[in-house]
Structures are given as structure tokens and as C-alpha cells.
PDB file of N, CA and C in Angstrom:
ATOM      1  N   ALA A   1     101.306  96.321  80.662  1.00  0.00           N
ATOM      2  CA  ALA A   1     100.390  95.472  80.005  1.00  0.00           C
ATOM      3  C   ALA A   1     100.482  95.769  78.454  1.00  0.00           C
ATOM      4  N   SER A   2     100.764  96.934  78.133  1.00  0.00           N
ATOM      5  CA  SER A   2     100.725  97.197  76.602  1.00  0.00           C
ATOM      6  C   SER A   2     101.869  96.500  75.859  1.00  0.00           C
ATOM      7  N   ALA A   3     102.910  96.207  76.632  1.00  0.00           N
ATOM      8  CA  ALA A   3     104.030  95.364  76.070  1.00  0.00           C
ATOM      9  C   ALA A   3     103.890  93.975  76.350  1.00  0.00           C
ATOM     10  N   GLY A   4     103.020  93.597  77.169  1.00  0.00           N
ATOM     11  CA  GLY A   4     102.837  92.155  77.633  1.00  0.00           C
ATOM     12  C   GLY A   4     101.600  91.509  77.126  1.00  0.00           C
ATOM     13  N   PRO A   5     101.091  90.632  77.881  1.00  0.00           N
ATOM     14  CA  PRO A   5      99.852  89.953  77.368  1.00  0.00           C
ATOM     15  C   PRO A   5      98.664  90.827  77.286  1.00  0.00           C
ATOM     16  N   GLU A   6      97.750  90.401  76.389  1.00  0.00           N
ATOM     17  CA  GLU A   6      96.561  91.143  76.165  1.00  0.00           C
ATOM     18  C   GLU A   6      95.711  91.107  77.377  1.00  0.00           C
ATOM     19  N   THR A   7      95.060  92.189  77.711  1.00  0.00           N
ATOM     20  CA  THR A   7      94.276  92.286  78.892  1.00  0.00           C
ATOM     21  C   THR A   7      92.944  92.809  78.603  1.00  0.00           C
ATOM     22  N   HIS A   8      91.937  92.584  79.506  1.00  0.00           N
ATOM     23  CA  HIS A   8      90.714  93.342  79.466  1.00  0.00           C
ATOM     24  C   HIS A   8      90.812  94.436  80.481  1.00  0.00           C
ATOM     25  N   CYS A   9      90.220  95.564  80.119  1.00  0.00           N
ATOM     26  CA  CYS A   9      90.274  96.643  81.056  1.00  0.00           C
ATOM     27  C   CYS A   9      89.026  96.620  82.013  1.00  0.00           C
ATOM     28  N   LEU A  10      89.271  96.808  83.286  1.00  0.00           N
ATOM     29  CA  LEU A  10      88.246  96.784  84.288  1.00  0.00           C
ATOM     30  C   LEU A  10      87.871  98.187  84.625  1.00  0.00           C
ATOM     31  N   ALA A  11      86.557  98.379  84.686  1.00  0.00           N
ATOM     32  CA  ALA A  11      86.044  99.724  85.147  1.00  0.00           C
ATOM     33  C   ALA A  11      85.683  99.556  86.598  1.00  0.00           C
ATOM     34  N   MET A  12      86.370 100.299  87.487  1.00  0.00           N
ATOM     35  CA  MET A  12      86.187 100.175  88.933  1.00  0.00           C
ATOM     36  C   MET A  12      85.557 101.362  89.483  1.00  0.00           C
ATOM     37  N   GLU A  13      84.570 101.187  90.354  1.00  0.00           N
ATOM     38  CA  GLU A  13      83.888 102.218  91.052  1.00  0.00           C
ATOM     39  C   GLU A  13      84.781 102.705  92.244  1.00  0.00           C
ATOM     40  N   PRO A  14      84.593 103.949  92.627  1.00  0.00           N
ATOM     41  CA  PRO A  14      85.407 104.434  93.824  1.00  0.00           C
ATOM     42  C   PRO A  14      85.196 103.512  95.005  1.00  0.00           C
ATOM     43  N   GLY A  15      86.343 103.190  95.659  1.00  0.00           N
ATOM     44  CA  GLY A  15      86.246 102.266  96.797  1.00  0.00           C
ATOM     45  C   GLY A  15      86.430 100.794  96.437  1.00  0.00           C
ATOM     46  N   GLU A  16      86.266 100.432  95.109  1.00  0.00           N
ATOM     47  CA  GLU A  16      86.393  99.082  94.685  1.00  0.00           C
ATOM     48  C   GLU A  16      87.908  98.762  94.294  1.00  0.00           C
ATOM     49  N   GLY A  17      88.408  97.855  94.896  1.00  0.00           N
ATOM     50  CA  GLY A  17      89.826  97.391  94.665  1.00  0.00           C
ATOM     51  C   GLY A  17      90.786  98.484  95.026  1.00  0.00           C
ATOM     52  N   ASN A  18      92.137  98.243  94.754  1.00  0.00           N
ATOM     53  CA  ASN A  18      93.017  99.260  95.110  1.00  0.00           C
ATOM     54  C   ASN A  18      92.943 100.470  94.223  1.00  0.00           C
ATOM     55  N   VAL A  19      92.621 100.340  92.961  1.00  0.00           N
ATOM     56  CA  VAL A  19      92.416 101.500  92.126  1.00  0.00           C
ATOM     57  C   VAL A  19      91.343 102.320  92.606  1.00  0.00           C
ATOM     58  N   GLY A  20      90.132 101.682  92.840  1.00  0.00           N
ATOM     59  CA  GLY A  20      89.004 102.414  93.374  1.00  0.00           C
ATOM     60  C   GLY A  20      89.286 103.112  94.655  1.00  0.00           C
ATOM     61  N   ARG A  21      90.017 102.454  95.527  1.00  0.00           N
ATOM     62  CA  ARG A  21      90.320 103.022  96.916  1.00  0.00           C
ATOM     63  C   ARG A  21      91.137 104.226  96.694  1.00  0.00           C
ATOM     64  N   ALA A  22      92.115 104.163  95.801  1.00  0.00           N
ATOM     65  CA  ALA A  22      92.964 105.324  95.544  1.00  0.00           C
ATOM     66  C   ALA A  22      92.093 106.563  95.032  1.00  0.00           C
ATOM     67  N   ALA A  23      91.261 106.161  94.159  1.00  0.00           N
ATOM     68  CA  ALA A  23      90.365 107.246  93.570  1.00  0.00           C
ATOM     69  C   ALA A  23      89.421 107.813  94.643  1.00  0.00           C
ATOM     70  N   GLN A  24      88.969 107.001  95.611  1.00  0.00           N
ATOM     71  CA  GLN A  24      88.083 107.490  96.632  1.00  0.00           C
ATOM     72  C   GLN A  24      88.855 108.295  97.661  1.00  0.00           C
ATOM     73  N   THR A  25      90.059 107.770  98.166  1.00  0.00           N
ATOM     74  CA  THR A  25      90.737 108.453  99.197  1.00  0.00           C
ATOM     75  C   THR A  25      91.721 109.538  98.771  1.00  0.00           C
ATOM     76  N   GLY A  26      92.107 109.400  97.412  1.00  0.00           N
ATOM     77  CA  GLY A  26      93.147 110.306  96.981  1.00  0.00           C
ATOM     78  C   GLY A  26      94.529 110.084  97.456  1.00  0.00           C
ATOM     79  N   LYS A  27      94.771 108.836  97.882  1.00  0.00           N
ATOM     80  CA  LYS A  27      96.031 108.443  98.480  1.00  0.00           C
ATOM     81  C   LYS A  27      96.638 107.341  97.617  1.00  0.00           C
ATOM     82  N   ALA A  28      97.988 107.444  97.468  1.00  0.00           N
ATOM     83  CA  ALA A  28      98.739 106.363  96.745  1.00  0.00           C
ATOM     84  C   ALA A  28      98.892 105.151  97.641  1.00  0.00           C
ATOM     85  N   ARG A  29      99.042 103.980  96.937  1.00  0.00           N
ATOM     86  CA  ARG A  29      99.111 102.741  97.707  1.00  0.00           C
ATOM     87  C   ARG A  29     100.120 101.911  96.964  1.00  0.00           C
ATOM     88  N   ILE A  30     100.984 101.228  97.734  1.00  0.00           N
ATOM     89  CA  ILE A  30     101.942 100.227  97.275  1.00  0.00           C
ATOM     90  C   ILE A  30     101.505  98.894  97.875  1.00  0.00           C
ATOM     91  N   VAL A  31     101.272  97.950  96.989  1.00  0.00           N
ATOM     92  CA  VAL A  31     100.910  96.544  97.444  1.00  0.00           C
ATOM     93  C   VAL A  31     102.069  95.640  97.091  1.00  0.00           C
ATOM     94  N   PRO A  32     102.849  95.271  98.074  1.00  0.00           N
ATOM     95  CA  PRO A  32     103.994  94.346  97.894  1.00  0.00           C
ATOM     96  C   PRO A  32     103.632  93.075  97.209  1.00  0.00           C
ATOM     97  N   ASP A  33     102.587  92.437  97.687  1.00  0.00           N
ATOM     98  CA  ASP A  33     102.249  91.131  97.120  1.00  0.00           C
ATOM     99  C   ASP A  33     100.678  91.091  96.981  1.00  0.00           C
ATOM    100  N   VAL A  34     100.153  91.154  95.815  1.00  0.00           N
ATOM    101  CA  VAL A  34      98.724  91.267  95.720  1.00  0.00           C
ATOM    102  C   VAL A  34      98.036  89.968  96.072  1.00  0.00           C
ATOM    103  N   LYS A  35      98.762  88.874  96.022  1.00  0.00           N
ATOM    104  CA  LYS A  35      98.048  87.613  96.547  1.00  0.00           C
ATOM    105  C   LYS A  35      97.600  87.578  97.950  1.00  0.00           C
ATOM    106  N   SER A  36      98.371  88.511  98.707  1.00  0.00           N
ATOM    107  CA  SER A  36      97.851  88.575 100.166  1.00  0.00           C
ATOM    108  C   SER A  36      97.108  89.705 100.443  1.00  0.00           C
ATOM    109  N   ASP A  37      96.632  90.448  99.437  1.00  0.00           N
ATOM    110  CA  ASP A  37      95.805  91.689  99.676  1.00  0.00           C
ATOM    111  C   ASP A  37      94.330  91.435  99.210  1.00  0.00           C
ATOM    112  N   PRO A  38      93.354  91.438 100.125  1.00  0.00           N
ATOM    113  CA  PRO A  38      91.997  91.188  99.856  1.00  0.00           C
ATOM    114  C   PRO A  38      91.363  92.204  98.894  1.00  0.00           C
ATOM    115  N   GLN A  39      91.948  93.511  98.863  1.00  0.00           N
ATOM    116  CA  GLN A  39      91.451  94.583  98.066  1.00  0.00           C
ATOM    117  C   GLN A  39      91.798  94.376  96.568  1.00  0.00           C
ATOM    118  N   TYR A  40      92.826  93.641  96.303  1.00  0.00           N
ATOM    119  CA  TYR A  40      93.220  93.528  94.883  1.00  0.00           C
ATOM    120  C   TYR A  40      92.183  92.878  93.984  1.00  0.00           C
ATOM    121  N   LEU A  41      91.931  93.515  92.846  1.00  0.00           N
ATOM    122  CA  LEU A  41      91.045  92.935  91.803  1.00  0.00           C
ATOM    123  C   LEU A  41      91.908  92.680  90.600  1.00  0.00           C
ATOM    124  N   MET A  42      92.042  91.401  90.186  1.00  0.00           N
ATOM    125  CA  MET A  42      92.912  90.907  89.110  1.00  0.00           C
ATOM    126  C   MET A  42      92.554  91.467  87.785  1.00  0.00           C
ATOM    127  N   SER A  43      93.531  92.082  87.103  1.00  0.00           N
ATOM    128  CA  SER A  43      93.311  92.405  85.592  1.00  0.00           C
ATOM    129  C   SER A  43      94.423  91.650  84.776  1.00  0.00           C
ATOM    130  N   LEU A  44      95.546  91.356  85.372  1.00  0.00           N
ATOM    131  CA  LEU A  44      96.581  90.617  84.776  1.00  0.00           C
ATOM    132  C   LEU A  44      96.926  89.414  85.741  1.00  0.00           C
ATOM    133  N   ALA A  45      96.789  88.234  85.258  1.00  0.00           N
ATOM    134  CA  ALA A  45      97.009  87.004  86.077  1.00  0.00           C
ATOM    135  C   ALA A  45      98.439  86.954  86.620  1.00  0.00           C
ATOM    136  N   ALA A  46      99.397  87.605  85.966  1.00  0.00           N
ATOM    137  CA  ALA A  46     100.815  87.411  86.395  1.00  0.00           C
ATOM    138  C   ALA A  46     101.130  88.494  87.385  1.00  0.00           C
ATOM    139  N   THR A  47     100.265  89.479  87.705  1.00  0.00           N
ATOM    140  CA  THR A  47     100.620  90.449  88.583  1.00  0.00           C
ATOM    141  C   THR A  47     100.871  90.024  90.026  1.00  0.00           C
ATOM    142  N   ARG A  48     102.010  90.513  90.626  1.00  0.00           N
ATOM    143  CA  ARG A  48     102.364  90.130  91.996  1.00  0.00           C
ATOM    144  C   ARG A  48     102.415  91.381  92.869  1.00  0.00           C
ATOM    145  N   SER A  49     102.909  92.586  92.349  1.00  0.00           N
ATOM    146  CA  SER A  49     102.848  93.768  93.099  1.00  0.00           C
ATOM    147  C   SER A  49     102.291  94.962  92.342  1.00  0.00           C
ATOM    148  N   GLU A  50     101.842  95.877  93.024  1.00  0.00           N
ATOM    149  CA  GLU A  50     101.015  96.905  92.411  1.00  0.00           C
ATOM    150  C   GLU A  50     101.277  98.251  93.085  1.00  0.00           C
ATOM    151  N   LEU A  51     101.177  99.333  92.301  1.00  0.00           N
ATOM    152  CA  LEU A  51     101.302 100.679  92.774  1.00  0.00           C
ATOM    153  C   LEU A  51     100.106 101.504  92.089  1.00  0.00           C
ATOM    154  N   VAL A  52      99.348 102.147  92.974  1.00  0.00           N
ATOM    155  CA  VAL A  52      98.293 103.033  92.390  1.00  0.00           C
ATOM    156  C   VAL A  52      98.465 104.426  92.921  1.00  0.00           C
ATOM    157  N   VAL A  53      98.441 105.403  92.106  1.00  0.00           N
ATOM    158  CA  VAL A  53      98.703 106.714  92.397  1.00  0.00           C
ATOM    159  C   VAL A  53      97.510 107.602  91.826  1.00  0.00           C
ATOM    160  N   PRO A  54      96.803 108.370  92.575  1.00  0.00           N
ATOM    161  CA  PRO A  54      95.814 109.231  92.131  1.00  0.00           C
ATOM    162  C   PRO A  54      96.291 110.402  91.375  1.00  0.00           C
ATOM    163  N   ILE A  55      95.566 110.892  90.321  1.00  0.00           N
ATOM    164  CA  ILE A  55      95.868 112.067  89.591  1.00  0.00           C
ATOM    165  C   ILE A  55      94.792 113.140  90.068  1.00  0.00           C
ATOM    166  N   LYS A  56      95.373 114.238  90.746  1.00  0.00           N
ATOM    167  CA  LYS A  56      94.475 115.085  91.460  1.00  0.00           C
ATOM    168  C   LYS A  56      94.686 116.568  90.948  1.00  0.00           C
ATOM    169  N   ILE A  57      93.645 117.272  90.908  1.00  0.00           N
ATOM    170  CA  ILE A  57      93.686 118.792  90.650  1.00  0.00           C
ATOM    171  C   ILE A  57      92.889 119.303  91.801  1.00  0.00           C
ATOM    172  N   ALA A  58      93.514 120.166  92.604  1.00  0.00           N
ATOM    173  CA  ALA A  58      92.852 120.944  93.785  1.00  0.00           C
ATOM    174  C   ALA A  58      92.165 119.965  94.551  1.00  0.00           C
ATOM    175  N   GLY A  59      92.752 118.788  94.910  1.00  0.00           N
ATOM    176  CA  GLY A  59      92.215 117.871  95.802  1.00  0.00           C
ATOM    177  C   GLY A  59      91.168 116.940  95.212  1.00  0.00           C
ATOM    178  N   ARG A  60      90.796 117.176  93.977  1.00  0.00           N
ATOM    179  CA  ARG A  60      89.815 116.349  93.261  1.00  0.00           C
ATOM    180  C   ARG A  60      90.443 115.304  92.411  1.00  0.00           C
ATOM    181  N   VAL A  61      90.120 114.040  92.645  1.00  0.00           N
ATOM    182  CA  VAL A  61      90.736 112.977  91.913  1.00  0.00           C
ATOM    183  C   VAL A  61      90.109 112.899  90.559  1.00  0.00           C
ATOM    184  N   LEU A  62      90.927 112.883  89.546  1.00  0.00           N
ATOM    185  CA  LEU A  62      90.504 112.794  88.071  1.00  0.00           C
ATOM    186  C   LEU A  62      90.586 111.378  87.573  1.00  0.00           C
ATOM    187  N   GLY A  63      91.597 110.677  88.082  1.00  0.00           N
ATOM    188  CA  GLY A  63      91.954 109.382  87.605  1.00  0.00           C
ATOM    189  C   GLY A  63      92.961 108.717  88.413  1.00  0.00           C
ATOM    190  N   VAL A  64      93.465 107.583  88.124  1.00  0.00           N
ATOM    191  CA  VAL A  64      94.483 106.905  88.828  1.00  0.00           C
ATOM    192  C   VAL A  64      95.438 106.224  87.860  1.00  0.00           C
ATOM    193  N   ILE A  65      96.694 106.335  88.176  1.00  0.00           N
ATOM    194  CA  ILE A  65      97.775 105.555  87.434  1.00  0.00           C
ATOM    195  C   ILE A  65      97.975 104.361  88.153  1.00  0.00           C
ATOM    196  N   ASN A  66      97.948 103.163  87.467  1.00  0.00           N
ATOM    197  CA  ASN A  66      98.144 101.874  88.082  1.00  0.00           C
ATOM    198  C   ASN A  66      99.279 101.175  87.413  1.00  0.00           C
ATOM    199  N   ALA A  67     100.294 100.871  88.190  1.00  0.00           N
ATOM    200  CA  ALA A  67     101.519 100.157  87.740  1.00  0.00           C
ATOM    201  C   ALA A  67     101.542  98.759  88.349  1.00  0.00           C
ATOM    202  N   GLU A  68     101.867  97.790  87.650  1.00  0.00           N
ATOM    203  CA  GLU A  68     101.789  96.476  88.123  1.00  0.00           C
ATOM    204  C   GLU A  68     103.162  95.686  87.705  1.00  0.00           C
ATOM    205  N   SER A  69     103.583  94.754  88.542  1.00  0.00           N
ATOM    206  CA  SER A  69     104.783  94.014  88.243  1.00  0.00           C
ATOM    207  C   SER A  69     104.503  92.542  88.398  1.00  0.00           C
ATOM    208  N   ASP A  70     105.194  91.745  87.657  1.00  0.00           N
ATOM    209  CA  ASP A  70     105.015  90.249  87.796  1.00  0.00           C
ATOM    210  C   ASP A  70     105.927  89.694  88.890  1.00  0.00           C
ATOM    211  N   LYS A  71     106.572  90.566  89.657  1.00  0.00           N
ATOM    212  CA  LYS A  71     107.454  90.233  90.758  1.00  0.00           C
ATOM    213  C   LYS A  71     106.975  90.677  92.088  1.00  0.00           C
ATOM    214  N   PRO A  72     106.851  89.882  93.183  1.00  0.00           N
ATOM    215  CA  PRO A  72     106.487  90.356  94.454  1.00  0.00           C
ATOM    216  C   PRO A  72     107.500  91.389  94.978  1.00  0.00           C
ATOM    217  N   ASN A  73     107.104  92.248  95.786  1.00  0.00           N
ATOM    218  CA  ASN A  73     108.018  93.223  96.427  1.00  0.00           C
ATOM    219  C   ASN A  73     108.899  93.999  95.488  1.00  0.00           C
ATOM    220  N   TYR A  74     108.486  94.095  94.215  1.00  0.00           N
ATOM    221  CA  TYR A  74     109.279  94.782  93.178  1.00  0.00           C
ATOM    222  C   TYR A  74     109.113  96.299  93.077  1.00  0.00           C
ATOM    223  N   ILE A  75     107.908  96.829  93.549  1.00  0.00           N
ATOM    224  CA  ILE A  75     107.637  98.188  93.501  1.00  0.00           C
ATOM    225  C   ILE A  75     107.876  98.794  94.850  1.00  0.00           C
ATOM    226  N   GLY A  76     108.613  99.916  94.938  1.00  0.00           N
ATOM    227  CA  GLY A  76     108.963 100.569  96.118  1.00  0.00           C
ATOM    228  C   GLY A  76     108.712 102.045  96.206  1.00  0.00           C
ATOM    229  N   GLY A  77     109.286 102.634  97.181  1.00  0.00           N
ATOM    230  CA  GLY A  77     109.148 104.108  97.454  1.00  0.00           C
ATOM    231  C   GLY A  77     109.619 105.000  96.254  1.00  0.00           C
ATOM    232  N   GLU A  78     110.715 104.659  95.777  1.00  0.00           N
ATOM    233  CA  GLU A  78     111.199 105.468  94.530  1.00  0.00           C
ATOM    234  C   GLU A  78     110.226 105.416  93.454  1.00  0.00           C
ATOM    235  N   ASP A  79     109.647 104.201  93.155  1.00  0.00           N
ATOM    236  CA  ASP A  79     108.590 104.169  92.138  1.00  0.00           C
ATOM    237  C   ASP A  79     107.380 105.078  92.416  1.00  0.00           C
ATOM    238  N   ARG A  80     106.989 105.075  93.640  1.00  0.00           N
ATOM    239  CA  ARG A  80     105.873 105.885  94.168  1.00  0.00           C
ATOM    240  C   ARG A  80     106.257 107.342  93.909  1.00  0.00           C
ATOM    241  N   VAL A  81     107.402 107.767  94.291  1.00  0.00           N
ATOM    242  CA  VAL A  81     107.793 109.184  94.051  1.00  0.00           C
ATOM    243  C   VAL A  81     107.759 109.549  92.604  1.00  0.00           C
ATOM    244  N   LEU A  82     108.295 108.702  91.758  1.00  0.00           N
ATOM    245  CA  LEU A  82     108.274 108.970  90.314  1.00  0.00           C
ATOM    246  C   LEU A  82     106.924 109.085  89.838  1.00  0.00           C
ATOM    247  N   LEU A  83     105.992 108.122  90.100  1.00  0.00           N
ATOM    248  CA  LEU A  83     104.674 108.203  89.581  1.00  0.00           C
ATOM    249  C   LEU A  83     103.808 109.306  90.148  1.00  0.00           C
ATOM    250  N   GLU A  84     104.071 109.706  91.457  1.00  0.00           N
ATOM    251  CA  GLU A  84     103.440 110.947  91.962  1.00  0.00           C
ATOM    252  C   GLU A  84     103.896 112.157  91.158  1.00  0.00           C
ATOM    253  N   GLU A  85     105.076 112.271  90.804  1.00  0.00           N
ATOM    254  CA  GLU A  85     105.556 113.308  89.918  1.00  0.00           C
ATOM    255  C   GLU A  85     104.843 113.335  88.568  1.00  0.00           C
ATOM    256  N   VAL A  86     104.825 112.124  87.915  1.00  0.00           N
ATOM    257  CA  VAL A  86     104.127 112.021  86.638  1.00  0.00           C
ATOM    258  C   VAL A  86     102.607 112.429  86.739  1.00  0.00           C
ATOM    259  N   ALA A  87     101.984 111.967  87.854  1.00  0.00           N
ATOM    260  CA  ALA A  87     100.568 112.240  88.185  1.00  0.00           C
ATOM    261  C   ALA A  87     100.428 113.786  88.329  1.00  0.00           C
ATOM    262  N   GLY A  88     101.348 114.398  89.068  1.00  0.00           N
ATOM    263  CA  GLY A  88     101.271 115.811  89.125  1.00  0.00           C
ATOM    264  C   GLY A  88     101.405 116.607  87.823  1.00  0.00           C
ATOM    265  N   LYS A  89     102.310 116.212  87.005  1.00  0.00           N
ATOM    266  CA  LYS A  89     102.516 116.778  85.679  1.00  0.00           C
ATOM    267  C   LYS A  89     101.313 116.551  84.809  1.00  0.00           C
ATOM    268  N   LEU A  90     100.746 115.331  84.855  1.00  0.00           N
ATOM    269  CA  LEU A  90      99.527 115.014  84.050  1.00  0.00           C
ATOM    270  C   LEU A  90      98.422 115.901  84.514  1.00  0.00           C
ATOM    271  N   ALA A  91      98.251 116.127  85.763  1.00  0.00           N
ATOM    272  CA  ALA A  91      97.210 116.941  86.398  1.00  0.00           C
ATOM    273  C   ALA A  91      97.323 118.352  85.863  1.00  0.00           C
ATOM    274  N   LEU A  92      98.525 118.887  85.811  1.00  0.00           N
ATOM    275  CA  LEU A  92      98.748 120.213  85.301  1.00  0.00           C
ATOM    276  C   LEU A  92      98.436 120.366  83.860  1.00  0.00           C
ATOM    277  N   PHE A  93      98.737 119.305  83.067  1.00  0.00           N
ATOM    278  CA  PHE A  93      98.425 119.302  81.668  1.00  0.00           C
ATOM    279  C   PHE A  93      96.870 119.253  81.399  1.00  0.00           C
ATOM    280  N   LEU A  94      96.274 118.386  82.325  1.00  0.00           N
ATOM    281  CA  LEU A  94      94.818 118.335  82.135  1.00  0.00           C
ATOM    282  C   LEU A  94      94.049 119.598  82.617  1.00  0.00           C
ATOM    283  N   ARG A  95      94.683 120.373  83.399  1.00  0.00           N
ATOM    284  CA  ARG A  95      94.136 121.663  83.870  1.00  0.00           C
ATOM    285  C   ARG A  95      94.203 122.672  82.728  1.00  0.00           C
ATOM    286  N   GLY A  96      95.256 122.541  81.862  1.00  0.00           N
ATOM    287  CA  GLY A  96      95.415 123.481  80.725  1.00  0.00           C
ATOM    288  C   GLY A  96      95.006 122.817  79.439  1.00  0.00           C
ATOM    289  N   ARG A  97      95.959 122.810  78.535  1.00  0.00           N
ATOM    290  CA  ARG A  97      95.650 122.395  77.141  1.00  0.00           C
ATOM    291  C   ARG A  97      95.031 120.959  77.111  1.00  0.00           C
ATOM    292  N   GLY A  98      95.406 120.118  78.100  1.00  0.00           N
ATOM    293  CA  GLY A  98      94.867 118.797  78.009  1.00  0.00           C
ATOM    294  C   GLY A  98      93.320 118.691  78.214  1.00  0.00           C
ATOM    295  N   ARG A  99      92.760 119.740  78.927  1.00  0.00           N
ATOM    296  CA  ARG A  99      91.281 119.790  79.084  1.00  0.00           C
ATOM    297  C   ARG A  99      90.633 119.807  77.761  1.00  0.00           C
ATOM    298  N   TYR A 100      91.160 120.569  76.845  1.00  0.00           N
ATOM    299  CA  TYR A 100      90.588 120.667  75.460  1.00  0.00           C
ATOM    300  C   TYR A 100      90.727 119.322  74.805  1.00  0.00           C
ATOM    301  N   LEU A 101      91.878 118.808  74.838  1.00  0.00           N
ATOM    302  CA  LEU A 101      92.110 117.539  74.197  1.00  0.00           C
ATOM    303  C   LEU A 101      91.305 116.381  74.755  1.00  0.00           C
ATOM    304  N   ALA A 102      91.168 116.360  76.046  1.00  0.00           N
ATOM    305  CA  ALA A 102      90.319 115.302  76.647  1.00  0.00           C
ATOM    306  C   ALA A 102      88.775 115.401  76.264  1.00  0.00           C
ATOM    307  N   ARG A 103      88.387 116.650  76.205  1.00  0.00           N
ATOM    308  CA  ARG A 103      86.918 116.940  75.899  1.00  0.00           C
ATOM    309  C   ARG A 103      86.797 116.491  74.370  1.00  0.00           C
ATOM    310  N   ARG A 104      87.779 116.795  73.494  1.00  0.00           N
ATOM    311  CA  ARG A 104      87.627 116.453  72.189  1.00  0.00           C
ATOM    312  C   ARG A 104      87.670 114.948  71.892  1.00  0.00           C
ATOM    313  N   ALA A 105      88.513 114.222  72.679  1.00  0.00           N
ATOM    314  CA  ALA A 105      88.670 112.732  72.624  1.00  0.00           C
ATOM    315  C   ALA A 105      87.276 112.173  73.021  1.00  0.00           C
ATOM    316  N   ARG A 106      86.776 112.706  74.160  1.00  0.00           N
ATOM    317  CA  ARG A 106      85.460 112.209  74.650  1.00  0.00           C
ATOM    318  C   ARG A 106      84.363 112.383  73.535  1.00  0.00           C
ATOM    319  N   GLU A 107      84.353 113.588  72.947  1.00  0.00           N
ATOM    320  CA  GLU A 107      83.359 113.842  71.927  1.00  0.00           C
ATOM    321  C   GLU A 107      83.481 112.928  70.754  1.00  0.00           C
ATOM    322  N   GLN A 108      84.731 112.661  70.327  1.00  0.00           N
ATOM    323  CA  GLN A 108      84.935 111.777  69.223  1.00  0.00           C
ATOM    324  C   GLN A 108      84.575 110.311  69.552  1.00  0.00           C
ATOM    325  N   GLY A 109      84.825 109.922  70.788  1.00  0.00           N
ATOM    326  CA  GLY A 109      84.465 108.656  71.222  1.00  0.00           C
ATOM    327  C   GLY A 109      82.958 108.415  71.222  1.00  0.00           C
ATOM    328  N   THR A 110      82.235 109.498  71.693  1.00  0.00           N
ATOM    329  CA  THR A 110      80.827 109.417  71.709  1.00  0.00           C
ATOM    330  C   THR A 110      80.227 109.358  70.274  1.00  0.00           C
ATOM    331  N   GLN A 111      80.893 110.080  69.283  1.00  0.00           N
ATOM    332  CA  GLN A 111      80.420 110.120  67.984  1.00  0.00           C
ATOM    333  C   GLN A 111      80.683 108.696  67.296  1.00  0.00           C
ATOM    334  N   LYS A 112      81.818 108.031  67.664  1.00  0.00           N
ATOM    335  CA  LYS A 112      82.100 106.739  67.048  1.00  0.00           C
ATOM    336  C   LYS A 112      81.182 105.786  67.668  1.00  0.00           C
ATOM    337  N   ALA A 113      80.749 105.823  68.914  1.00  0.00           N
ATOM    338  CA  ALA A 113      79.873 104.932  69.517  1.00  0.00           C
ATOM    339  C   ALA A 113      78.536 105.064  68.910  1.00  0.00           C
ATOM    340  N   ALA A 114      78.114 106.307  68.609  1.00  0.00           N
ATOM    341  CA  ALA A 114      76.810 106.529  68.029  1.00  0.00           C
ATOM    342  C   ALA A 114      76.745 105.987  66.624  1.00  0.00           C
ATOM    343  N   VAL A 115      77.877 106.125  65.796  1.00  0.00           N
ATOM    344  CA  VAL A 115      77.890 105.435  64.498  1.00  0.00           C
ATOM    345  C   VAL A 115      77.827 103.987  64.553  1.00  0.00           C
ATOM    346  N   LYS A 116      78.492 103.329  65.553  1.00  0.00           N
ATOM    347  CA  LYS A 116      78.458 101.880  65.701  1.00  0.00           C
ATOM    348  C   LYS A 116      77.032 101.474  65.990  1.00  0.00           C
ATOM    349  N   ARG A 117      76.293 102.216  66.840  1.00  0.00           N
ATOM    350  CA  ARG A 117      74.922 101.809  67.194  1.00  0.00           C
ATOM    351  C   ARG A 117      73.931 101.884  66.025  1.00  0.00           C
ATOM    352  N   THR A 118      74.271 102.801  65.023  1.00  0.00           N
ATOM    353  CA  THR A 118      73.307 102.992  63.904  1.00  0.00           C
ATOM    354  C   THR A 118      73.605 102.028  62.804  1.00  0.00           C
ATOM    355  N   LYS A 119      74.733 101.369  62.899  1.00  0.00           N
ATOM    356  CA  LYS A 119      75.125 100.323  61.725  1.00  0.00           C
ATOM    357  C   LYS A 119      74.345  99.052  61.996  1.00  0.00           C
TER     358      LYS A 119
END
């Protein structure tokens, strides 16, 4: 999406949509054709296939990586293996130095929001 059309970001609750379900269950999911999947919540109109992979530390889900394609049946098992590796490495980073960086980013975001509210 960052190289494609501008999108709005959806905040999903655990269990809501494929992203929320992956966050709730801790299990990756490949959706070959989102048009035939009642769980899919649209964020990009052109999306036809989707892969969601949870980012976990010690069994606890911290977030989800969501990959989408504009082609049906385009995402497969090799993509899942790759994103599971990325999620694992990201989890290790977040457990170490990334924890500090994430906390600092949250604090800066909170400070910026407070400044906007006072203007």
C-alpha cells in the first residue's frame, strides 16, 4: 500500500476480520480470494488475496503483519514462511533494543497528540 494507492488504516479488535482473528488466535492465515471470505474487512479496494501473520513473543501476540495482493491466489506457502521468519525476527528485535525504541516512539506520539490538542 505504501507504493500504491493511498489508504486509510483500520484499527481492528481481536477477532475482527482476518487481521483481528490472527491477533486473537496467534495463527497465520492465507486468504486466496478475499471476495469469497466473509471475515475479510476491506482496506484496499483492489485487494484480492491476503496473508496475515502474527508477531509473537512467548506465545503473546504483539501485532500482525498483513500482506495483500491485487491478484487472486497470488500469495502462497512460500510467502507465509518468509513472513513468519520476518515476524520472528521482528519479535526478537522488539524483545531487545526495539522495546526501548517502541516505548520512545509511543511517548513521542503521545506528546505530539497532546500538543495538537492544546493548539
